[in-house]
Amino acid sequence: MHDAQHYRSQAEVARRLADQVLNAEAEASLLKLAQDMSDIAEDLENGAIEIRHPERMPQRQAAH
């Protein structure tokens, strides 16, 4: 299993790629991936011992 820094690094790569693509759908997908990687890093830093695939996790409610 990777440590939190690995996932933060991957999030940064996805953000840089998102800044370079011209397709809005691809940009949105890359930004979603970056957020997922950041969330995993945060979970690991908070003591998570198991990382579940985001699609299998309950969706968070967006703050209004």
C-alpha atoms as a PDB file:
ATOM      1  CA  MET A   1       0.000   0.000   0.000  1.00  0.00           C
ATOM      2  CA  HIS A   2       1.215   3.504  -0.753  1.00  0.00           C
ATOM      3  CA  ASP A   3       1.584   6.274   1.782  1.00  0.00           C
ATOM      4  CA  ALA A   4      -0.335   9.562   1.794  1.00  0.00           C
ATOM      5  CA  GLN A   5       2.434  11.421  -0.035  1.00  0.00           C
ATOM      6  CA  HIS A   6       2.096   9.060  -3.001  1.00  0.00           C
ATOM      7  CA  TYR A   7      -1.592   9.928  -3.361  1.00  0.00           C
ATOM      8  CA  ARG A   8      -0.927  13.664  -2.920  1.00  0.00           C
ATOM      9  CA  SER A   9       1.687  13.437  -5.670  1.00  0.00           C
ATOM     10  CA  GLN A  10      -0.749  11.654  -7.994  1.00  0.00           C
ATOM     11  CA  ALA A  11      -3.394  14.303  -7.242  1.00  0.00           C
ATOM     12  CA  GLU A  12      -0.938  17.012  -8.262  1.00  0.00           C
ATOM     13  CA  VAL A  13      -0.141  15.202 -11.526  1.00  0.00           C
ATOM     14  CA  ALA A  14      -3.861  14.978 -12.318  1.00  0.00           C
ATOM     15  CA  ARG A  15      -4.327  18.695 -11.583  1.00  0.00           C
ATOM     16  CA  ARG A  16      -1.426  19.638 -13.860  1.00  0.00           C
ATOM     17  CA  LEU A  17      -2.859  17.491 -16.647  1.00  0.00           C
ATOM     18  CA  ALA A  18      -6.299  19.056 -16.144  1.00  0.00           C
ATOM     19  CA  ASP A  19      -4.743  22.483 -16.691  1.00  0.00           C
ATOM     20  CA  GLN A  20      -3.371  21.334 -20.045  1.00  0.00           C
ATOM     21  CA  VAL A  21      -6.337  19.593 -21.666  1.00  0.00           C
ATOM     22  CA  LEU A  22      -8.730  21.422 -23.947  1.00  0.00           C
ATOM     23  CA  ASN A  23     -11.670  19.054 -23.518  1.00  0.00           C
ATOM     24  CA  ALA A  24     -13.964  20.129 -20.662  1.00  0.00           C
ATOM     25  CA  GLU A  25     -15.094  16.562 -19.951  1.00  0.00           C
ATOM     26  CA  ALA A  26     -11.505  15.330 -19.701  1.00  0.00           C
ATOM     27  CA  GLU A  27     -10.647  18.255 -17.448  1.00  0.00           C
ATOM     28  CA  ALA A  28     -13.573  17.462 -15.144  1.00  0.00           C
ATOM     29  CA  SER A  29     -12.564  13.803 -14.978  1.00  0.00           C
ATOM     30  CA  LEU A  30      -8.990  14.687 -14.105  1.00  0.00           C
ATOM     31  CA  LEU A  31     -10.100  17.115 -11.419  1.00  0.00           C
ATOM     32  CA  LYS A  32     -12.392  14.425  -9.952  1.00  0.00           C
ATOM     33  CA  LEU A  33      -9.478  12.001  -9.945  1.00  0.00           C
ATOM     34  CA  ALA A  34      -7.303  14.601  -8.210  1.00  0.00           C
ATOM     35  CA  GLN A  35      -9.959  15.096  -5.535  1.00  0.00           C
ATOM     36  CA  ASP A  36     -10.278  11.338  -5.021  1.00  0.00           C
ATOM     37  CA  MET A  37      -6.503  11.031  -4.606  1.00  0.00           C
ATOM     38  CA  SER A  38      -6.469  13.926  -2.132  1.00  0.00           C
ATOM     39  CA  ASP A  39      -9.305  12.302  -0.184  1.00  0.00           C
ATOM     40  CA  ILE A  40      -7.380   9.029   0.013  1.00  0.00           C
ATOM     41  CA  ALA A  41      -4.282  10.865   1.235  1.00  0.00           C
ATOM     42  CA  GLU A  42      -6.338  12.610   3.908  1.00  0.00           C
ATOM     43  CA  ASP A  43      -7.898   9.318   4.993  1.00  0.00           C
ATOM     44  CA  LEU A  44      -4.461   7.739   5.310  1.00  0.00           C
ATOM     45  CA  GLU A  45      -3.198  10.690   7.332  1.00  0.00           C
ATOM     46  CA  ASN A  46      -6.204  10.290   9.629  1.00  0.00           C
ATOM     47  CA  GLY A  47      -5.390   6.640  10.295  1.00  0.00           C
ATOM     48  CA  ALA A  48      -7.353   4.704   7.689  1.00  0.00           C
ATOM     49  CA  ILE A  49      -6.065   1.181   7.300  1.00  0.00           C
ATOM     50  CA  GLU A  50      -8.147   0.238   4.266  1.00  0.00           C
ATOM     51  CA  ILE A  51      -8.811   2.283   1.137  1.00  0.00           C
ATOM     52  CA  ARG A  52     -12.058   1.489  -0.620  1.00  0.00           C
ATOM     53  CA  HIS A  53     -12.768   2.374  -4.214  1.00  0.00           C
ATOM     54  CA  PRO A  54     -14.652   5.731  -4.315  1.00  0.00           C
ATOM     55  CA  GLU A  55     -17.505   4.227  -6.356  1.00  0.00           C
ATOM     56  CA  ARG A  56     -18.200   1.780  -3.543  1.00  0.00           C
ATOM     57  CA  MET A  57     -18.320   4.452  -0.873  1.00  0.00           C
ATOM     58  CA  PRO A  58     -21.430   6.442   0.048  1.00  0.00           C
ATOM     59  CA  GLN A  59     -21.410   9.795  -1.717  1.00  0.00           C
ATOM     60  CA  ARG A  60     -20.896  12.884   0.397  1.00  0.00           C
ATOM     61  CA  GLN A  61     -23.579  15.518   0.312  1.00  0.00           C
ATOM     62  CA  ALA A  62     -22.404  18.775  -1.228  1.00  0.00           C
ATOM     63  CA  ALA A  63     -22.498  21.719   1.150  1.00  0.00           C
ATOM     64  CA  HIS A  64     -25.004  24.361   0.108  1.00  0.00           C
END
